mmCIF file of all heavy atoms, coordinates in Angstrom:
data_MODEL
# 
_entry.id   MODEL 
# 
loop_
_atom_site.group_PDB 
_atom_site.id 
_atom_site.type_symbol 
_atom_site.label_atom_id 
_atom_site.label_alt_id 
_atom_site.label_comp_id 
_atom_site.label_asym_id 
_atom_site.label_entity_id 
_atom_site.label_seq_id 
_atom_site.pdbx_PDB_ins_code 
_atom_site.Cartn_x 
_atom_site.Cartn_y 
_atom_site.Cartn_z 
_atom_site.occupancy 
_atom_site.B_iso_or_equiv 
_atom_site.pdbx_formal_charge 
_atom_site.auth_seq_id 
_atom_site.auth_comp_id 
_atom_site.auth_asym_id 
_atom_site.auth_atom_id 
_atom_site.pdbx_PDB_model_num 
ATOM 1   N N   . VAL A 1 1  ? 12.936  -10.841 12.142  1.00 0.00 ? 1  VAL A N   1 
ATOM 2   C CA  . VAL A 1 1  ? 13.845  -11.870 11.645  1.00 0.00 ? 1  VAL A CA  1 
ATOM 3   C C   . VAL A 1 1  ? 14.955  -11.238 10.791  1.00 0.00 ? 1  VAL A C   1 
ATOM 4   O O   . VAL A 1 1  ? 14.663  -10.594 9.781   1.00 0.00 ? 1  VAL A O   1 
ATOM 5   C CB  . VAL A 1 1  ? 13.080  -12.906 10.785  1.00 0.00 ? 1  VAL A CB  1 
ATOM 6   C CG1 . VAL A 1 1  ? 14.000  -14.066 10.413  1.00 0.00 ? 1  VAL A CG1 1 
ATOM 7   C CG2 . VAL A 1 1  ? 11.851  -13.415 11.513  1.00 0.00 ? 1  VAL A CG2 1 
ATOM 8   N N   . PRO A 1 2  ? 16.233  -11.439 11.145  1.00 0.00 ? 2  PRO A N   1 
ATOM 9   C CA  . PRO A 1 2  ? 17.322  -10.964 10.291  1.00 0.00 ? 2  PRO A CA  1 
ATOM 10  C C   . PRO A 1 2  ? 17.467  -11.878 9.076   1.00 0.00 ? 2  PRO A C   1 
ATOM 11  O O   . PRO A 1 2  ? 16.829  -12.932 8.998   1.00 0.00 ? 2  PRO A O   1 
ATOM 12  C CB  . PRO A 1 2  ? 18.548  -11.074 11.204  1.00 0.00 ? 2  PRO A CB  1 
ATOM 13  C CG  . PRO A 1 2  ? 18.210  -12.206 12.118  1.00 0.00 ? 2  PRO A CG  1 
ATOM 14  C CD  . PRO A 1 2  ? 16.721  -12.145 12.338  1.00 0.00 ? 2  PRO A CD  1 
ATOM 15  N N   . PHE A 1 3  ? 18.283  -11.471 8.119   1.00 0.00 ? 3  PHE A N   1 
ATOM 16  C CA  . PHE A 1 3  ? 18.565  -12.363 7.001   1.00 0.00 ? 3  PHE A CA  1 
ATOM 17  C C   . PHE A 1 3  ? 20.027  -12.244 6.632   1.00 0.00 ? 3  PHE A C   1 
ATOM 18  O O   . PHE A 1 3  ? 20.649  -11.198 6.796   1.00 0.00 ? 3  PHE A O   1 
ATOM 19  C CB  . PHE A 1 3  ? 17.657  -12.082 5.796   1.00 0.00 ? 3  PHE A CB  1 
ATOM 20  C CG  . PHE A 1 3  ? 17.915  -10.768 5.101   1.00 0.00 ? 3  PHE A CG  1 
ATOM 21  C CD1 . PHE A 1 3  ? 18.769  -10.693 4.015   1.00 0.00 ? 3  PHE A CD1 1 
ATOM 22  C CD2 . PHE A 1 3  ? 17.297  -9.606  5.533   1.00 0.00 ? 3  PHE A CD2 1 
ATOM 23  C CE1 . PHE A 1 3  ? 19.010  -9.495  3.371   1.00 0.00 ? 3  PHE A CE1 1 
ATOM 24  C CE2 . PHE A 1 3  ? 17.525  -8.392  4.898   1.00 0.00 ? 3  PHE A CE2 1 
ATOM 25  C CZ  . PHE A 1 3  ? 18.387  -8.342  3.813   1.00 0.00 ? 3  PHE A CZ  1 
ATOM 26  N N   . THR A 1 4  ? 20.583  -13.354 6.166   1.00 0.00 ? 4  THR A N   1 
ATOM 27  C CA  . THR A 1 4  ? 21.986  -13.378 5.765   1.00 0.00 ? 4  THR A CA  1 
ATOM 28  C C   . THR A 1 4  ? 22.139  -13.460 4.258   1.00 0.00 ? 4  THR A C   1 
ATOM 29  O O   . THR A 1 4  ? 23.231  -13.270 3.736   1.00 0.00 ? 4  THR A O   1 
ATOM 30  C CB  . THR A 1 4  ? 22.716  -14.563 6.411   1.00 0.00 ? 4  THR A CB  1 
ATOM 31  O OG1 . THR A 1 4  ? 21.971  -15.763 6.171   1.00 0.00 ? 4  THR A OG1 1 
ATOM 32  C CG2 . THR A 1 4  ? 22.856  -14.368 7.910   1.00 0.00 ? 4  THR A CG2 1 
ATOM 33  N N   . ARG A 1 5  ? 21.053  -13.758 3.569   1.00 0.00 ? 5  ARG A N   1 
ATOM 34  C CA  . ARG A 1 5  ? 21.125  -13.879 2.106   1.00 0.00 ? 5  ARG A CA  1 
ATOM 35  C C   . ARG A 1 5  ? 19.764  -13.549 1.527   1.00 0.00 ? 5  ARG A C   1 
ATOM 36  O O   . ARG A 1 5  ? 18.738  -13.913 2.090   1.00 0.00 ? 5  ARG A O   1 
ATOM 37  C CB  . ARG A 1 5  ? 21.534  -15.297 1.703   1.00 0.00 ? 5  ARG A CB  1 
ATOM 38  C CG  . ARG A 1 5  ? 21.675  -15.512 0.197   1.00 0.00 ? 5  ARG A CG  1 
ATOM 39  C CD  . ARG A 1 5  ? 22.185  -16.913 -0.115  1.00 0.00 ? 5  ARG A CD  1 
ATOM 40  N NE  . ARG A 1 5  ? 22.344  -17.125 -1.544  1.00 0.00 ? 5  ARG A NE  1 
ATOM 41  C CZ  . ARG A 1 5  ? 21.378  -17.566 -2.351  1.00 0.00 ? 5  ARG A CZ  1 
ATOM 42  N NH1 . ARG A 1 5  ? 20.176  -17.854 -1.844  1.00 0.00 ? 5  ARG A NH1 1 
ATOM 43  N NH2 . ARG A 1 5  ? 21.595  -17.727 -3.645  1.00 0.00 ? 5  ARG A NH2 1 
ATOM 44  N N   . ALA A 1 6  ? 19.773  -12.843 0.416   1.00 0.00 ? 6  ALA A N   1 
ATOM 45  C CA  . ALA A 1 6  ? 18.524  -12.535 -0.278  1.00 0.00 ? 6  ALA A CA  1 
ATOM 46  C C   . ALA A 1 6  ? 18.727  -12.729 -1.776  1.00 0.00 ? 6  ALA A C   1 
ATOM 47  O O   . ALA A 1 6  ? 19.767  -12.371 -2.321  1.00 0.00 ? 6  ALA A O   1 
ATOM 48  C CB  . ALA A 1 6  ? 18.083  -11.100 0.006   1.00 0.00 ? 6  ALA A CB  1 
ATOM 49  N N   . GLU A 1 7  ? 17.751  -13.325 -2.412  1.00 0.00 ? 7  GLU A N   1 
ATOM 50  C CA  . GLU A 1 7  ? 17.752  -13.468 -3.871  1.00 0.00 ? 7  GLU A CA  1 
ATOM 51  C C   . GLU A 1 7  ? 16.559  -12.694 -4.402  1.00 0.00 ? 7  GLU A C   1 
ATOM 52  O O   . GLU A 1 7  ? 15.421  -12.929 -3.999  1.00 0.00 ? 7  GLU A O   1 
ATOM 53  C CB  . GLU A 1 7  ? 17.646  -14.945 -4.256  1.00 0.00 ? 7  GLU A CB  1 
ATOM 54  C CG  . GLU A 1 7  ? 17.619  -15.190 -5.758  1.00 0.00 ? 7  GLU A CG  1 
ATOM 55  C CD  . GLU A 1 7  ? 17.483  -16.663 -6.083  1.00 0.00 ? 7  GLU A CD  1 
ATOM 56  O OE1 . GLU A 1 7  ? 18.377  -17.436 -5.695  1.00 0.00 ? 7  GLU A OE1 1 
ATOM 57  O OE2 . GLU A 1 7  ? 16.473  -17.050 -6.715  1.00 0.00 ? 7  GLU A OE2 1 
ATOM 58  N N   . ILE A 1 8  ? 16.808  -11.752 -5.310  1.00 0.00 ? 8  ILE A N   1 
ATOM 59  C CA  . ILE A 1 8  ? 15.756  -10.861 -5.799  1.00 0.00 ? 8  ILE A CA  1 
ATOM 60  C C   . ILE A 1 8  ? 15.732  -10.911 -7.324  1.00 0.00 ? 8  ILE A C   1 
ATOM 61  O O   . ILE A 1 8  ? 16.774  -10.796 -7.974  1.00 0.00 ? 8  ILE A O   1 
ATOM 62  C CB  . ILE A 1 8  ? 15.989  -9.409  -5.335  1.00 0.00 ? 8  ILE A CB  1 
ATOM 63  C CG1 . ILE A 1 8  ? 16.200  -9.360  -3.816  1.00 0.00 ? 8  ILE A CG1 1 
ATOM 64  C CG2 . ILE A 1 8  ? 14.822  -8.523  -5.730  1.00 0.00 ? 8  ILE A CG2 1 
ATOM 65  C CD1 . ILE A 1 8  ? 16.576  -7.988  -3.293  1.00 0.00 ? 8  ILE A CD1 1 
ATOM 66  N N   . SER A 1 9  ? 14.542  -11.089 -7.885  1.00 0.00 ? 9  SER A N   1 
ATOM 67  C CA  . SER A 1 9  ? 14.370  -11.110 -9.334  1.00 0.00 ? 9  SER A CA  1 
ATOM 68  C C   . SER A 1 9  ? 13.337  -10.064 -9.729  1.00 0.00 ? 9  SER A C   1 
ATOM 69  O O   . SER A 1 9  ? 12.316  -9.899  -9.048  1.00 0.00 ? 9  SER A O   1 
ATOM 70  C CB  . SER A 1 9  ? 13.897  -12.493 -9.815  1.00 0.00 ? 9  SER A CB  1 
ATOM 71  O OG  . SER A 1 9  ? 14.819  -13.499 -9.467  1.00 0.00 ? 9  SER A OG  1 
ATOM 72  N N   . PHE A 1 10 ? 13.590  -9.360  -10.826 1.00 0.00 ? 10 PHE A N   1 
ATOM 73  C CA  . PHE A 1 10 ? 12.687  -8.335  -11.344 1.00 0.00 ? 10 PHE A CA  1 
ATOM 74  C C   . PHE A 1 10 ? 12.219  -8.775  -12.727 1.00 0.00 ? 10 PHE A C   1 
ATOM 75  O O   . PHE A 1 10 ? 13.023  -9.260  -13.529 1.00 0.00 ? 10 PHE A O   1 
ATOM 76  C CB  . PHE A 1 10 ? 13.394  -6.984  -11.461 1.00 0.00 ? 10 PHE A CB  1 
ATOM 77  C CG  . PHE A 1 10 ? 14.059  -6.532  -10.189 1.00 0.00 ? 10 PHE A CG  1 
ATOM 78  C CD1 . PHE A 1 10 ? 15.374  -6.857  -9.914  1.00 0.00 ? 10 PHE A CD1 1 
ATOM 79  C CD2 . PHE A 1 10 ? 13.359  -5.781  -9.262  1.00 0.00 ? 10 PHE A CD2 1 
ATOM 80  C CE1 . PHE A 1 10 ? 15.994  -6.447  -8.745  1.00 0.00 ? 10 PHE A CE1 1 
ATOM 81  C CE2 . PHE A 1 10 ? 13.962  -5.364  -8.081  1.00 0.00 ? 10 PHE A CE2 1 
ATOM 82  C CZ  . PHE A 1 10 ? 15.278  -5.697  -7.824  1.00 0.00 ? 10 PHE A CZ  1 
ATOM 83  N N   . SER A 1 11 ? 10.943  -8.588  -13.008 1.00 0.00 ? 11 SER A N   1 
ATOM 84  C CA  . SER A 1 11 ? 10.449  -9.012  -14.315 1.00 0.00 ? 11 SER A CA  1 
ATOM 85  C C   . SER A 1 11 ? 9.141   -8.305  -14.642 1.00 0.00 ? 11 SER A C   1 
ATOM 86  O O   . SER A 1 11 ? 8.485   -7.721  -13.773 1.00 0.00 ? 11 SER A O   1 
ATOM 87  C CB  . SER A 1 11 ? 10.230  -10.530 -14.341 1.00 0.00 ? 11 SER A CB  1 
ATOM 88  O OG  . SER A 1 11 ? 9.208   -10.901 -13.428 1.00 0.00 ? 11 SER A OG  1 
ATOM 89  N N   . ALA A 1 12 ? 8.775   -8.386  -15.919 1.00 0.00 ? 12 ALA A N   1 
ATOM 90  C CA  . ALA A 1 12 ? 7.429   -8.013  -16.338 1.00 0.00 ? 12 ALA A CA  1 
ATOM 91  C C   . ALA A 1 12 ? 6.590   -9.280  -16.272 1.00 0.00 ? 12 ALA A C   1 
ATOM 92  O O   . ALA A 1 12 ? 7.079   -10.375 -16.541 1.00 0.00 ? 12 ALA A O   1 
ATOM 93  C CB  . ALA A 1 12 ? 7.446   -7.459  -17.750 1.00 0.00 ? 12 ALA A CB  1 
ATOM 94  N N   . THR A 1 13 ? 5.327   -9.130  -15.883 1.00 0.00 ? 13 THR A N   1 
ATOM 95  C CA  . THR A 1 13 ? 4.459   -10.294 -15.775 1.00 0.00 ? 13 THR A CA  1 
ATOM 96  C C   . THR A 1 13 ? 3.078   -9.940  -16.309 1.00 0.00 ? 13 THR A C   1 
ATOM 97  O O   . THR A 1 13 ? 2.674   -8.773  -16.282 1.00 0.00 ? 13 THR A O   1 
ATOM 98  C CB  . THR A 1 13 ? 4.359   -10.766 -14.304 1.00 0.00 ? 13 THR A CB  1 
ATOM 99  O OG1 . THR A 1 13 ? 3.667   -12.001 -14.240 1.00 0.00 ? 13 THR A OG1 1 
ATOM 100 C CG2 . THR A 1 13 ? 3.648   -9.745  -13.438 1.00 0.00 ? 13 THR A CG2 1 
ATOM 101 N N   . ASP A 1 14 ? 2.381   -10.923 -16.830 1.00 0.00 ? 14 ASP A N   1 
ATOM 102 C CA  . ASP A 1 14 ? 1.001   -10.709 -17.276 1.00 0.00 ? 14 ASP A CA  1 
ATOM 103 C C   . ASP A 1 14 ? 0.070   -10.870 -16.074 1.00 0.00 ? 14 ASP A C   1 
ATOM 104 O O   . ASP A 1 14 ? 0.161   -11.857 -15.334 1.00 0.00 ? 14 ASP A O   1 
ATOM 105 C CB  . ASP A 1 14 ? 0.617   -11.727 -18.347 1.00 0.00 ? 14 ASP A CB  1 
ATOM 106 C CG  . ASP A 1 14 ? 1.411   -11.549 -19.638 1.00 0.00 ? 14 ASP A CG  1 
ATOM 107 O OD1 . ASP A 1 14 ? 1.902   -10.422 -19.868 1.00 0.00 ? 14 ASP A OD1 1 
ATOM 108 O OD2 . ASP A 1 14 ? 1.545   -12.527 -20.390 1.00 0.00 ? 14 ASP A OD2 1 
ATOM 109 N N   . ALA A 1 15 ? -0.798  -9.936  -15.866 1.00 0.00 ? 15 ALA A N   1 
ATOM 110 C CA  . ALA A 1 15 ? -1.701  -9.973  -14.724 1.00 0.00 ? 15 ALA A CA  1 
ATOM 111 C C   . ALA A 1 15 ? -2.611  -11.198 -14.787 1.00 0.00 ? 15 ALA A C   1 
ATOM 112 O O   . ALA A 1 15 ? -3.254  -11.458 -15.810 1.00 0.00 ? 15 ALA A O   1 
ATOM 113 C CB  . ALA A 1 15 ? -2.543  -8.705  -14.673 1.00 0.00 ? 15 ALA A CB  1 
ATOM 114 N N   . THR A 1 16 ? -2.645  -11.951 -13.692 1.00 0.00 ? 16 THR A N   1 
ATOM 115 C CA  . THR A 1 16 ? -3.602  -13.040 -13.582 1.00 0.00 ? 16 THR A CA  1 
ATOM 116 C C   . THR A 1 16 ? -4.977  -12.447 -13.291 1.00 0.00 ? 16 THR A C   1 
ATOM 117 O O   . THR A 1 16 ? -5.115  -11.257 -12.982 1.00 0.00 ? 16 THR A O   1 
ATOM 118 C CB  . THR A 1 16 ? -3.212  -14.004 -12.455 1.00 0.00 ? 16 THR A CB  1 
ATOM 119 O OG1 . THR A 1 16 ? -3.313  -13.301 -11.197 1.00 0.00 ? 16 THR A OG1 1 
ATOM 120 C CG2 . THR A 1 16 ? -1.786  -14.527 -12.639 1.00 0.00 ? 16 THR A CG2 1 
ATOM 121 N N   . LEU A 1 17 ? -6.003  -13.302 -13.358 1.00 0.00 ? 17 LEU A N   1 
ATOM 122 C CA  . LEU A 1 17 ? -7.350  -12.824 -13.067 1.00 0.00 ? 17 LEU A CA  1 
ATOM 123 C C   . LEU A 1 17 ? -7.421  -12.284 -11.633 1.00 0.00 ? 17 LEU A C   1 
ATOM 124 O O   . LEU A 1 17 ? -7.989  -11.212 -11.388 1.00 0.00 ? 17 LEU A O   1 
ATOM 125 C CB  . LEU A 1 17 ? -8.362  -13.960 -13.252 1.00 0.00 ? 17 LEU A CB  1 
ATOM 126 C CG  . LEU A 1 17 ? -9.820  -13.629 -12.893 1.00 0.00 ? 17 LEU A CG  1 
ATOM 127 C CD1 . LEU A 1 17 ? -10.334 -12.475 -13.757 1.00 0.00 ? 17 LEU A CD1 1 
ATOM 128 C CD2 . LEU A 1 17 ? -10.700 -14.867 -13.059 1.00 0.00 ? 17 LEU A CD2 1 
ATOM 129 N N   . GLN A 1 18 ? -6.805  -13.006 -10.671 1.00 0.00 ? 18 GLN A N   1 
ATOM 130 C CA  . GLN A 1 18 ? -6.821  -12.561 -9.269  1.00 0.00 ? 18 GLN A CA  1 
ATOM 131 C C   . GLN A 1 18 ? -6.100  -11.239 -9.103  1.00 0.00 ? 18 GLN A C   1 
ATOM 132 O O   . GLN A 1 18 ? -6.599  -10.317 -8.441  1.00 0.00 ? 18 GLN A O   1 
ATOM 133 C CB  . GLN A 1 18 ? -6.190  -13.627 -8.382  1.00 0.00 ? 18 GLN A CB  1 
ATOM 134 C CG  . GLN A 1 18 ? -6.209  -13.272 -6.897  1.00 0.00 ? 18 GLN A CG  1 
ATOM 135 C CD  . GLN A 1 18 ? -5.441  -14.261 -6.044  1.00 0.00 ? 18 GLN A CD  1 
ATOM 136 O OE1 . GLN A 1 18 ? -4.389  -14.747 -6.458  1.00 0.00 ? 18 GLN A OE1 1 
ATOM 137 N NE2 . GLN A 1 18 ? -5.944  -14.566 -4.855  1.00 0.00 ? 18 GLN A NE2 1 
ATOM 138 N N   . GLN A 1 19 ? -4.922  -11.117 -9.711  1.00 0.00 ? 19 GLN A N   1 
ATOM 139 C CA  . GLN A 1 19 ? -4.159  -9.867  -9.597  1.00 0.00 ? 19 GLN A CA  1 
ATOM 140 C C   . GLN A 1 19 ? -4.912  -8.717  -10.247 1.00 0.00 ? 19 GLN A C   1 
ATOM 141 O O   . GLN A 1 19 ? -4.953  -7.600  -9.706  1.00 0.00 ? 19 GLN A O   1 
ATOM 142 C CB  . GLN A 1 19 ? -2.792  -10.052 -10.241 1.00 0.00 ? 19 GLN A CB  1 
ATOM 143 C CG  . GLN A 1 19 ? -1.885  -11.011 -9.483  1.00 0.00 ? 19 GLN A CG  1 
ATOM 144 C CD  . GLN A 1 19 ? -0.711  -11.485 -10.307 1.00 0.00 ? 19 GLN A CD  1 
ATOM 145 O OE1 . GLN A 1 19 ? -0.558  -11.112 -11.477 1.00 0.00 ? 19 GLN A OE1 1 
ATOM 146 N NE2 . GLN A 1 19 ? 0.139   -12.314 -9.717  1.00 0.00 ? 19 GLN A NE2 1 
ATOM 147 N N   . ALA A 1 20 ? -5.523  -8.963  -11.400 1.00 0.00 ? 20 ALA A N   1 
ATOM 148 C CA  . ALA A 1 20 ? -6.264  -7.912  -12.100 1.00 0.00 ? 20 ALA A CA  1 
ATOM 149 C C   . ALA A 1 20 ? -7.436  -7.412  -11.261 1.00 0.00 ? 20 ALA A C   1 
ATOM 150 O O   . ALA A 1 20 ? -7.715  -6.206  -11.218 1.00 0.00 ? 20 ALA A O   1 
ATOM 151 C CB  . ALA A 1 20 ? -6.749  -8.442  -13.443 1.00 0.00 ? 20 ALA A CB  1 
ATOM 152 N N   . GLN A 1 21 ? -8.111  -8.332  -10.583 1.00 0.00 ? 21 GLN A N   1 
ATOM 153 C CA  . GLN A 1 21 ? -9.249  -7.935  -9.744  1.00 0.00 ? 21 GLN A CA  1 
ATOM 154 C C   . GLN A 1 21 ? -8.808  -7.028  -8.604  1.00 0.00 ? 21 GLN A C   1 
ATOM 155 O O   . GLN A 1 21 ? -9.514  -6.088  -8.232  1.00 0.00 ? 21 GLN A O   1 
ATOM 156 C CB  . GLN A 1 21 ? -9.936  -9.181  -9.195  1.00 0.00 ? 21 GLN A CB  1 
ATOM 157 C CG  . GLN A 1 21 ? -10.686 -9.981  -10.247 1.00 0.00 ? 21 GLN A CG  1 
ATOM 158 C CD  . GLN A 1 21 ? -11.179 -11.315 -9.725  1.00 0.00 ? 21 GLN A CD  1 
ATOM 159 O OE1 . GLN A 1 21 ? -10.670 -11.847 -8.739  1.00 0.00 ? 21 GLN A OE1 1 
ATOM 160 N NE2 . GLN A 1 21 ? -12.188 -11.874 -10.386 1.00 0.00 ? 21 GLN A NE2 1 
ATOM 161 N N   . HIS A 1 22 ? -7.632  -7.288  -8.057  1.00 0.00 ? 22 HIS A N   1 
ATOM 162 C CA  . HIS A 1 22 ? -7.162  -6.504  -6.916  1.00 0.00 ? 22 HIS A CA  1 
ATOM 163 C C   . HIS A 1 22 ? -6.427  -5.230  -7.331  1.00 0.00 ? 22 HIS A C   1 
ATOM 164 O O   . HIS A 1 22 ? -6.421  -4.246  -6.584  1.00 0.00 ? 22 HIS A O   1 
ATOM 165 C CB  . HIS A 1 22 ? -6.249  -7.350  -6.039  1.00 0.00 ? 22 HIS A CB  1 
ATOM 166 C CG  . HIS A 1 22 ? -6.979  -8.379  -5.228  1.00 0.00 ? 22 HIS A CG  1 
ATOM 167 N ND1 . HIS A 1 22 ? -7.772  -8.053  -4.143  1.00 0.00 ? 22 HIS A ND1 1 
ATOM 168 C CD2 . HIS A 1 22 ? -7.050  -9.725  -5.349  1.00 0.00 ? 22 HIS A CD2 1 
ATOM 169 C CE1 . HIS A 1 22 ? -8.294  -9.151  -3.635  1.00 0.00 ? 22 HIS A CE1 1 
ATOM 170 N NE2 . HIS A 1 22 ? -7.878  -10.181 -4.336  1.00 0.00 ? 22 HIS A NE2 1 
ATOM 171 N N   . LEU A 1 23 ? -5.802  -5.239  -8.494  1.00 0.00 ? 23 LEU A N   1 
ATOM 172 C CA  . LEU A 1 23 ? -5.010  -4.081  -8.933  1.00 0.00 ? 23 LEU A CA  1 
ATOM 173 C C   . LEU A 1 23 ? -5.771  -3.197  -9.930  1.00 0.00 ? 23 LEU A C   1 
ATOM 174 O O   . LEU A 1 23 ? -5.195  -2.278  -10.503 1.00 0.00 ? 23 LEU A O   1 
ATOM 175 C CB  . LEU A 1 23 ? -3.693  -4.551  -9.552  1.00 0.00 ? 23 LEU A CB  1 
ATOM 176 C CG  . LEU A 1 23 ? -2.691  -5.146  -8.548  1.00 0.00 ? 23 LEU A CG  1 
ATOM 177 C CD1 . LEU A 1 23 ? -1.525  -5.808  -9.277  1.00 0.00 ? 23 LEU A CD1 1 
ATOM 178 C CD2 . LEU A 1 23 ? -2.169  -4.076  -7.596  1.00 0.00 ? 23 LEU A CD2 1 
ATOM 179 N N   . ASP A 1 24 ? -7.053  -3.483  -10.126 1.00 0.00 ? 24 ASP A N   1 
ATOM 180 C CA  . ASP A 1 24 ? -7.909  -2.658  -10.977 1.00 0.00 ? 24 ASP A CA  1 
ATOM 181 C C   . ASP A 1 24 ? -7.335  -2.514  -12.392 1.00 0.00 ? 24 ASP A C   1 
ATOM 182 O O   . ASP A 1 24 ? -7.148  -1.411  -12.903 1.00 0.00 ? 24 ASP A O   1 
ATOM 183 C CB  . ASP A 1 24 ? -8.111  -1.274  -10.345 1.00 0.00 ? 24 ASP A CB  1 
ATOM 184 C CG  . ASP A 1 24 ? -9.220  -0.481  -11.035 1.00 0.00 ? 24 ASP A CG  1 
ATOM 185 O OD1 . ASP A 1 24 ? -10.094 -1.120  -11.655 1.00 0.00 ? 24 ASP A OD1 1 
ATOM 186 O OD2 . ASP A 1 24 ? -9.201  0.763   -10.952 1.00 0.00 ? 24 ASP A OD2 1 
ATOM 187 N N   . CYS A 1 25 ? -7.022  -3.674  -12.983 1.00 0.00 ? 25 CYS A N   1 
ATOM 188 C CA  . CYS A 1 25 ? -6.544  -3.670  -14.358 1.00 0.00 ? 25 CYS A CA  1 
ATOM 189 C C   . CYS A 1 25 ? -7.170  -4.865  -15.075 1.00 0.00 ? 25 CYS A C   1 
ATOM 190 O O   . CYS A 1 25 ? -8.049  -5.543  -14.517 1.00 0.00 ? 25 CYS A O   1 
ATOM 191 C CB  . CYS A 1 25 ? -5.016  -3.739  -14.412 1.00 0.00 ? 25 CYS A CB  1 
ATOM 192 S SG  . CYS A 1 25 ? -4.313  -5.268  -13.743 1.00 0.00 ? 25 CYS A SG  1 
ATOM 193 N N   . ASN A 1 26 ? -6.758  -5.115  -16.297 1.00 0.00 ? 26 ASN A N   1 
ATOM 194 C CA  . ASN A 1 26 ? -7.322  -6.211  -17.067 1.00 0.00 ? 26 ASN A CA  1 
ATOM 195 C C   . ASN A 1 26 ? -6.423  -7.438  -17.008 1.00 0.00 ? 26 ASN A C   1 
ATOM 196 O O   . ASN A 1 26 ? -5.187  -7.306  -16.977 1.00 0.00 ? 26 ASN A O   1 
ATOM 197 C CB  . ASN A 1 26 ? -7.490  -5.802  -18.536 1.00 0.00 ? 26 ASN A CB  1 
ATOM 198 C CG  . ASN A 1 26 ? -8.468  -4.653  -18.695 1.00 0.00 ? 26 ASN A CG  1 
ATOM 199 O OD1 . ASN A 1 26 ? -9.550  -4.662  -18.107 1.00 0.00 ? 26 ASN A OD1 1 
ATOM 200 N ND2 . ASN A 1 26 ? -8.083  -3.657  -19.482 1.00 0.00 ? 26 ASN A ND2 1 
ATOM 201 N N   . PRO A 1 27 ? -6.980  -8.636  -16.981 1.00 0.00 ? 27 PRO A N   1 
ATOM 202 C CA  . PRO A 1 27 ? -6.141  -9.836  -17.059 1.00 0.00 ? 27 PRO A CA  1 
ATOM 203 C C   . PRO A 1 27 ? -5.253  -9.780  -18.306 1.00 0.00 ? 27 PRO A C   1 
ATOM 204 O O   . PRO A 1 27 ? -5.703  -9.379  -19.387 1.00 0.00 ? 27 PRO A O   1 
ATOM 205 C CB  . PRO A 1 27 ? -7.159  -10.976 -17.156 1.00 0.00 ? 27 PRO A CB  1 
ATOM 206 C CG  . PRO A 1 27 ? -8.409  -10.430 -16.525 1.00 0.00 ? 27 PRO A CG  1 
ATOM 207 C CD  . PRO A 1 27 ? -8.411  -8.971  -16.875 1.00 0.00 ? 27 PRO A CD  1 
# 
C-alpha cells in the first residue's frame, strides 16, 4: 500500500503492564 500523507509523533511513555511484560522492563 502506498501512502500520500504520514503523521508521526515521538514521545516518552510510561510502560504499561502489557508492554513491560513483552519488553522485559518494569511497569
